[in-house]
PDB file of N, CA and C in Angstrom:
ATOM      1  N   MET A   1       1.061  -1.072   0.304  1.00  0.00           N
ATOM      2  CA  MET A   1       0.076  -0.233   0.104  1.00  0.00           C
ATOM      3  C   MET A   1       1.248   0.750  -0.205  1.00  0.00           C
ATOM      4  N   LYS A   2       0.399   2.605  -0.710  1.00  0.00           N
ATOM      5  CA  LYS A   2       1.638   3.289  -0.669  1.00  0.00           C
ATOM      6  C   LYS A   2       1.147   4.580   0.271  1.00  0.00           C
ATOM      7  N   ALA A   3       1.989   5.219   1.179  1.00  0.00           N
ATOM      8  CA  ALA A   3       2.067   5.940   2.074  1.00  0.00           C
ATOM      9  C   ALA A   3       1.411   6.349   2.182  1.00  0.00           C
ATOM     10  N   ASN A   4       1.067   7.384   0.922  1.00  0.00           N
ATOM     11  CA  ASN A   4       0.218   8.524   0.701  1.00  0.00           C
ATOM     12  C   ASN A   4      -1.082   8.676   0.546  1.00  0.00           C
ATOM     13  N   LYS A   5      -1.873   6.875   1.415  1.00  0.00           N
ATOM     14  CA  LYS A   5      -3.549   7.142   1.639  1.00  0.00           C
ATOM     15  C   LYS A   5      -2.975   6.836   3.142  1.00  0.00           C
ATOM     16  N   THR A   6      -4.423   7.775   3.678  1.00  0.00           N
ATOM     17  CA  THR A   6      -5.036   7.905   4.298  1.00  0.00           C
ATOM     18  C   THR A   6      -6.495   7.880   4.906  1.00  0.00           C
ATOM     19  N   GLY A   7      -6.720   7.822   6.370  1.00  0.00           N
ATOM     20  CA  GLY A   7      -8.254   7.650   5.858  1.00  0.00           C
ATOM     21  C   GLY A   7      -9.458   6.485   5.783  1.00  0.00           C
ATOM     22  N   ILE A   8     -10.162   7.351   4.973  1.00  0.00           N
ATOM     23  CA  ILE A   8     -11.259   6.737   4.178  1.00  0.00           C
ATOM     24  C   ILE A   8     -10.879   5.790   2.801  1.00  0.00           C
ATOM     25  N   ASP A   9      -9.930   6.137   2.264  1.00  0.00           N
ATOM     26  CA  ASP A   9      -8.882   5.844   1.320  1.00  0.00           C
ATOM     27  C   ASP A   9      -8.123   4.504   1.643  1.00  0.00           C
ATOM     28  N   ARG A  10      -7.996   4.667   2.984  1.00  0.00           N
ATOM     29  CA  ARG A  10      -7.455   2.795   2.952  1.00  0.00           C
ATOM     30  C   ARG A  10      -8.328   2.091   3.250  1.00  0.00           C
ATOM     31  N   ILE A  11      -8.946   2.427   4.337  1.00  0.00           N
ATOM     32  CA  ILE A  11     -10.521   1.937   4.342  1.00  0.00           C
ATOM     33  C   ILE A  11     -11.447   1.382   3.150  1.00  0.00           C
ATOM     34  N   ILE A  12     -10.571   2.168   2.042  1.00  0.00           N
ATOM     35  CA  ILE A  12     -11.598   1.465   0.844  1.00  0.00           C
ATOM     36  C   ILE A  12     -10.370   0.593   0.237  1.00  0.00           C
ATOM     37  N   HIS A  13      -9.728   0.872   0.004  1.00  0.00           N
ATOM     38  CA  HIS A  13      -8.724  -0.113  -0.617  1.00  0.00           C
ATOM     39  C   HIS A  13      -8.380  -0.999   0.063  1.00  0.00           C
ATOM     40  N   ALA A  14      -9.203  -1.415   1.497  1.00  0.00           N
ATOM     41  CA  ALA A  14      -9.187  -2.242   1.663  1.00  0.00           C
ATOM     42  C   ALA A  14     -10.175  -3.600   1.444  1.00  0.00           C
ATOM     43  N   THR A  15     -10.943  -2.969   1.151  1.00  0.00           N
ATOM     44  CA  THR A  15     -12.038  -3.309   1.204  1.00  0.00           C
ATOM     45  C   THR A  15     -12.167  -4.038  -0.625  1.00  0.00           C
ATOM     46  N   PHE A  16     -11.462  -3.400  -1.309  1.00  0.00           N
ATOM     47  CA  PHE A  16     -11.354  -4.162  -3.030  1.00  0.00           C
ATOM     48  C   PHE A  16     -10.405  -5.152  -1.896  1.00  0.00           C
ATOM     49  N   ASN A  17      -9.673  -5.309  -1.626  1.00  0.00           N
ATOM     50  CA  ASN A  17      -8.782  -6.210  -1.349  1.00  0.00           C
ATOM     51  C   ASN A  17      -9.224  -7.379  -0.997  1.00  0.00           C
ATOM     52  N   SER A  18     -10.262  -7.189   0.166  1.00  0.00           N
ATOM     53  CA  SER A  18     -11.454  -8.285   0.507  1.00  0.00           C
ATOM     54  C   SER A  18     -12.366  -8.722  -0.580  1.00  0.00           C
ATOM     55  N   MET A  19     -12.577  -8.347  -1.432  1.00  0.00           N
ATOM     56  CA  MET A  19     -13.189  -8.110  -2.075  1.00  0.00           C
ATOM     57  C   MET A  19     -12.669  -9.678  -3.325  1.00  0.00           C
ATOM     58  N   GLY A  20     -11.430  -8.905  -3.800  1.00  0.00           N
ATOM     59  CA  GLY A  20     -10.779  -9.959  -3.910  1.00  0.00           C
ATOM     60  C   GLY A  20     -10.390 -10.897  -4.018  1.00  0.00           C
ATOM     61  N   GLY A  21     -10.032 -10.978  -2.539  1.00  0.00           N
ATOM     62  CA  GLY A  21     -10.293 -12.285  -1.684  1.00  0.00           C
ATOM     63  C   GLY A  21     -10.481 -12.805  -1.832  1.00  0.00           C
ATOM     64  N   LEU A  22     -12.346 -12.652  -1.752  1.00  0.00           N
ATOM     65  CA  LEU A  22     -13.413 -13.376  -2.327  1.00  0.00           C
ATOM     66  C   LEU A  22     -13.361 -14.478  -3.307  1.00  0.00           C
ATOM     67  N   ARG A  23     -13.114 -13.157  -4.253  1.00  0.00           N
ATOM     68  CA  ARG A  23     -13.511 -14.346  -5.781  1.00  0.00           C
ATOM     69  C   ARG A  23     -12.260 -14.988  -5.776  1.00  0.00           C
ATOM     70  N   LEU A  24     -11.534 -15.251  -5.005  1.00  0.00           N
ATOM     71  CA  LEU A  24     -10.342 -16.488  -5.028  1.00  0.00           C
ATOM     72  C   LEU A  24     -10.497 -17.511  -4.744  1.00  0.00           C
ATOM     73  N   ALA A  25     -11.324 -16.564  -3.258  1.00  0.00           N
ATOM     74  CA  ALA A  25     -11.863 -17.766  -2.494  1.00  0.00           C
ATOM     75  C   ALA A  25     -12.491 -18.721  -2.966  1.00  0.00           C
ATOM     76  N   TRP A  26     -13.805 -18.485  -3.867  1.00  0.00           N
ATOM     77  CA  TRP A  26     -14.448 -19.118  -5.225  1.00  0.00           C
ATOM     78  C   TRP A  26     -13.708 -20.045  -5.698  1.00  0.00           C
ATOM     79  N   LYS A  27     -12.667 -19.367  -5.901  1.00  0.00           N
ATOM     80  CA  LYS A  27     -12.403 -20.257  -7.220  1.00  0.00           C
ATOM     81  C   LYS A  27     -10.708 -21.478  -6.267  1.00  0.00           C
ATOM     82  N   SER A  28     -10.455 -20.896  -5.375  1.00  0.00           N
ATOM     83  CA  SER A  28      -9.795 -21.734  -5.193  1.00  0.00           C
ATOM     84  C   SER A  28      -9.074 -21.990  -4.239  1.00  0.00           C
ATOM     85  N   GLU A  29      -8.449 -23.065  -2.652  1.00  0.00           N
ATOM     86  CA  GLU A  29      -8.263 -22.634  -1.412  1.00  0.00           C
ATOM     87  C   GLU A  29      -6.277 -22.521  -1.705  1.00  0.00           C
ATOM     88  N   ALA A  30      -5.945 -21.698  -0.475  1.00  0.00           N
ATOM     89  CA  ALA A  30      -4.613 -21.431  -0.692  1.00  0.00           C
ATOM     90  C   ALA A  30      -3.907 -21.383   0.805  1.00  0.00           C
ATOM     91  N   ALA A  31      -3.545 -22.051   0.910  1.00  0.00           N
ATOM     92  CA  ALA A  31      -2.565 -22.229   2.648  1.00  0.00           C
ATOM     93  C   ALA A  31      -0.953 -21.883   2.505  1.00  0.00           C
ATOM     94  N   VAL A  32      -0.684 -21.223   2.999  1.00  0.00           N
ATOM     95  CA  VAL A  32       0.690 -20.760   3.507  1.00  0.00           C
ATOM     96  C   VAL A  32       1.572 -21.079   5.028  1.00  0.00           C
ATOM     97  N   ASP A  33       2.239 -21.700   4.535  1.00  0.00           N
ATOM     98  CA  ASP A  33       3.297 -21.991   5.986  1.00  0.00           C
ATOM     99  C   ASP A  33       4.708 -21.302   5.525  1.00  0.00           C
ATOM    100  N   ARG A  34       5.328 -20.175   5.834  1.00  0.00           N
ATOM    101  CA  ARG A  34       6.212 -20.420   5.352  1.00  0.00           C
ATOM    102  C   ARG A  34       6.699 -18.412   5.537  1.00  0.00           C
ATOM    103  N   VAL A  35       7.918 -18.550   5.519  1.00  0.00           N
ATOM    104  CA  VAL A  35       8.401 -16.699   5.582  1.00  0.00           C
ATOM    105  C   VAL A  35       9.296 -16.426   4.476  1.00  0.00           C
ATOM    106  N   GLY A  36       9.559 -15.217   4.744  1.00  0.00           N
ATOM    107  CA  GLY A  36      10.277 -14.411   3.657  1.00  0.00           C
ATOM    108  C   GLY A  36      10.229 -13.678   3.149  1.00  0.00           C
ATOM    109  N   PRO A  37      10.900 -12.301   2.895  1.00  0.00           N
ATOM    110  CA  PRO A  37      10.551 -11.505   1.889  1.00  0.00           C
ATOM    111  C   PRO A  37      10.242 -11.134   0.916  1.00  0.00           C
ATOM    112  N   GLU A  38      10.303 -12.614   0.033  1.00  0.00           N
ATOM    113  CA  GLU A  38      10.304 -12.405  -1.332  1.00  0.00           C
ATOM    114  C   GLU A  38       8.144 -12.497  -1.409  1.00  0.00           C
ATOM    115  N   LEU A  39       8.414 -11.413  -2.812  1.00  0.00           N
ATOM    116  CA  LEU A  39       7.033 -11.449  -3.108  1.00  0.00           C
ATOM    117  C   LEU A  39       6.124 -13.312  -3.047  1.00  0.00           C
ATOM    118  N   HIS A  40       5.401 -13.919  -3.193  1.00  0.00           N
ATOM    119  CA  HIS A  40       5.509 -14.988  -3.708  1.00  0.00           C
ATOM    120  C   HIS A  40       3.661 -15.358  -3.796  1.00  0.00           C
ATOM    121  N   GLU A  41       3.379 -15.701  -4.721  1.00  0.00           N
ATOM    122  CA  GLU A  41       1.240 -15.605  -5.500  1.00  0.00           C
ATOM    123  C   GLU A  41       0.597 -16.322  -5.017  1.00  0.00           C
ATOM    124  N   LEU A  42       1.411 -17.542  -3.935  1.00  0.00           N
ATOM    125  CA  LEU A  42       0.839 -18.396  -3.139  1.00  0.00           C
ATOM    126  C   LEU A  42      -0.020 -18.057  -1.338  1.00  0.00           C
ATOM    127  N   SER A  43       1.072 -17.273  -1.392  1.00  0.00           N
ATOM    128  CA  SER A  43       0.531 -16.140   0.118  1.00  0.00           C
ATOM    129  C   SER A  43      -0.006 -14.453  -0.163  1.00  0.00           C
ATOM    130  N   GLY A  44       0.249 -14.510  -1.407  1.00  0.00           N
ATOM    131  CA  GLY A  44      -0.755 -13.328  -1.544  1.00  0.00           C
ATOM    132  C   GLY A  44      -2.083 -13.600  -1.226  1.00  0.00           C
ATOM    133  N   ARG A  45      -2.632 -14.782  -1.843  1.00  0.00           N
ATOM    134  CA  ARG A  45      -4.362 -15.826  -2.483  1.00  0.00           C
ATOM    135  C   ARG A  45      -4.014 -15.775  -0.420  1.00  0.00           C
ATOM    136  N   ALA A  46      -3.065 -16.491   0.136  1.00  0.00           N
ATOM    137  CA  ALA A  46      -4.258 -16.603   1.259  1.00  0.00           C
ATOM    138  C   ALA A  46      -3.813 -15.444   1.545  1.00  0.00           C
ATOM    139  N   LYS A  47      -3.905 -14.544   2.201  1.00  0.00           N
ATOM    140  CA  LYS A  47      -3.824 -13.040   2.454  1.00  0.00           C
ATOM    141  C   LYS A  47      -4.750 -12.481   2.341  1.00  0.00           C
ATOM    142  N   ASP A  48      -5.562 -12.212   1.111  1.00  0.00           N
ATOM    143  CA  ASP A  48      -6.074 -11.976   0.343  1.00  0.00           C
ATOM    144  C   ASP A  48      -7.706 -12.476   0.822  1.00  0.00           C
ATOM    145  N   ILE A  49      -7.597 -13.816   0.784  1.00  0.00           N
ATOM    146  CA  ILE A  49      -8.701 -14.792   1.770  1.00  0.00           C
ATOM    147  C   ILE A  49      -9.550 -14.292   3.314  1.00  0.00           C
ATOM    148  N   ALA A  50      -8.194 -14.463   4.260  1.00  0.00           N
ATOM    149  CA  ALA A  50      -8.587 -14.744   5.604  1.00  0.00           C
ATOM    150  C   ALA A  50      -8.585 -12.522   5.721  1.00  0.00           C
ATOM    151  N   SER A  51      -7.900 -11.839   4.709  1.00  0.00           N
ATOM    152  CA  SER A  51      -8.472 -10.192   4.563  1.00  0.00           C
ATOM    153  C   SER A  51     -10.723 -10.638   3.999  1.00  0.00           C
ATOM    154  N   ALA A  52     -10.932 -10.889   3.364  1.00  0.00           N
ATOM    155  CA  ALA A  52     -12.183 -11.319   3.343  1.00  0.00           C
ATOM    156  C   ALA A  52     -13.004 -12.060   4.181  1.00  0.00           C
ATOM    157  N   ALA A  53     -12.335 -13.200   4.991  1.00  0.00           N
ATOM    158  CA  ALA A  53     -13.391 -13.521   5.742  1.00  0.00           C
ATOM    159  C   ALA A  53     -12.692 -12.520   6.901  1.00  0.00           C
ATOM    160  N   VAL A  54     -11.845 -11.622   7.770  1.00  0.00           N
ATOM    161  CA  VAL A  54     -12.143 -10.620   8.375  1.00  0.00           C
ATOM    162  C   VAL A  54     -13.162  -9.290   7.792  1.00  0.00           C
ATOM    163  N   PHE A  55     -13.197  -9.381   6.822  1.00  0.00           N
ATOM    164  CA  PHE A  55     -14.337  -8.859   6.031  1.00  0.00           C
ATOM    165  C   PHE A  55     -15.411  -8.613   6.888  1.00  0.00           C
ATOM    166  N   PHE A  56     -16.219 -10.408   6.115  1.00  0.00           N
ATOM    167  CA  PHE A  56     -17.201 -10.365   6.540  1.00  0.00           C
ATOM    168  C   PHE A  56     -17.808 -10.922   7.705  1.00  0.00           C
ATOM    169  N   ALA A  57     -16.586 -11.520   8.816  1.00  0.00           N
ATOM    170  CA  ALA A  57     -17.394 -11.242   9.920  1.00  0.00           C
ATOM    171  C   ALA A  57     -17.184  -9.871  10.755  1.00  0.00           C
ATOM    172  N   LEU A  58     -16.783  -8.974  10.235  1.00  0.00           N
ATOM    173  CA  LEU A  58     -16.576  -6.878  10.235  1.00  0.00           C
ATOM    174  C   LEU A  58     -17.481  -7.206  10.410  1.00  0.00           C
ATOM    175  N   VAL A  59     -18.845  -7.324   8.708  1.00  0.00           N
ATOM    176  CA  VAL A  59     -19.824  -6.993   8.580  1.00  0.00           C
ATOM    177  C   VAL A  59     -21.027  -8.108   9.342  1.00  0.00           C
ATOM    178  N   LEU A  60     -20.815  -9.349   9.654  1.00  0.00           N
ATOM    179  CA  LEU A  60     -21.859 -10.127  10.267  1.00  0.00           C
ATOM    180  C   LEU A  60     -22.228  -9.328  11.530  1.00  0.00           C
ATOM    181  N   MET A  61     -20.904  -8.689  12.554  1.00  0.00           N
ATOM    182  CA  MET A  61     -21.037  -8.633  13.455  1.00  0.00           C
ATOM    183  C   MET A  61     -21.862  -7.224  13.595  1.00  0.00           C
ATOM    184  N   GLY A  62     -21.096  -6.326  12.542  1.00  0.00           N
ATOM    185  CA  GLY A  62     -22.239  -4.692  12.156  1.00  0.00           C
ATOM    186  C   GLY A  62     -23.783  -5.257  11.779  1.00  0.00           C
ATOM    187  N   VAL A  63     -24.168  -6.269  11.605  1.00  0.00           N
ATOM    188  CA  VAL A  63     -25.748  -6.775  11.078  1.00  0.00           C
ATOM    189  C   VAL A  63     -26.412  -7.076  12.364  1.00  0.00           C
ATOM    190  N   VAL A  64     -25.324  -7.677  13.788  1.00  0.00           N
ATOM    191  CA  VAL A  64     -25.731  -8.671  14.877  1.00  0.00           C
ATOM    192  C   VAL A  64     -26.558  -6.708  15.926  1.00  0.00           C
ATOM    193  N   TRP A  65     -25.202  -6.601  15.835  1.00  0.00           N
ATOM    194  CA  TRP A  65     -25.439  -5.178  16.188  1.00  0.00           C
ATOM    195  C   TRP A  65     -26.747  -4.626  15.957  1.00  0.00           C
ATOM    196  N   GLY A  66     -26.443  -4.215  14.686  1.00  0.00           N
ATOM    197  CA  GLY A  66     -27.490  -3.239  14.382  1.00  0.00           C
ATOM    198  C   GLY A  66     -29.222  -4.179  14.408  1.00  0.00           C
ATOM    199  N   LEU A  67     -29.259  -5.132  14.507  1.00  0.00           N
ATOM    200  CA  LEU A  67     -30.219  -5.850  14.695  1.00  0.00           C
ATOM    201  C   LEU A  67     -30.695  -5.828  15.951  1.00  0.00           C
ATOM    202  N   ILE A  68     -29.513  -5.951  17.302  1.00  0.00           N
ATOM    203  CA  ILE A  68     -29.544  -5.729  18.385  1.00  0.00           C
ATOM    204  C   ILE A  68     -29.814  -4.537  19.264  1.00  0.00           C
ATOM    205  N   LEU A  69     -29.522  -3.478  18.791  1.00  0.00           N
ATOM    206  CA  LEU A  69     -30.051  -1.598  18.931  1.00  0.00           C
ATOM    207  C   LEU A  69     -31.876  -1.599  18.093  1.00  0.00           C
ATOM    208  N   ILE A  70     -32.205  -2.363  17.013  1.00  0.00           N
ATOM    209  CA  ILE A  70     -32.323  -1.593  17.003  1.00  0.00           C
ATOM    210  C   ILE A  70     -34.742  -2.621  17.596  1.00  0.00           C
ATOM    211  N   TYR A  71     -34.474  -3.643  17.824  1.00  0.00           N
ATOM    212  CA  TYR A  71     -35.490  -4.720  18.378  1.00  0.00           C
ATOM    213  C   TYR A  71     -34.667  -4.683  19.870  1.00  0.00           C
TER     214      TYR A  71
END
């Protein structure tokens, strides 16, 4: 991510990355157990899929709290 992105731009960028992870999750499954400074395609997929999972957990949390507050 570029250093000049702040605030809402970062949130929007992270949301699009999560949606990309969701698309990858439907196409394939990725699990990685590695450490290293180099870029690796499978590591990127696993990170995007995990990001999508966190995004959906946050959305679900918001829906549940919204329903609690309404009722």
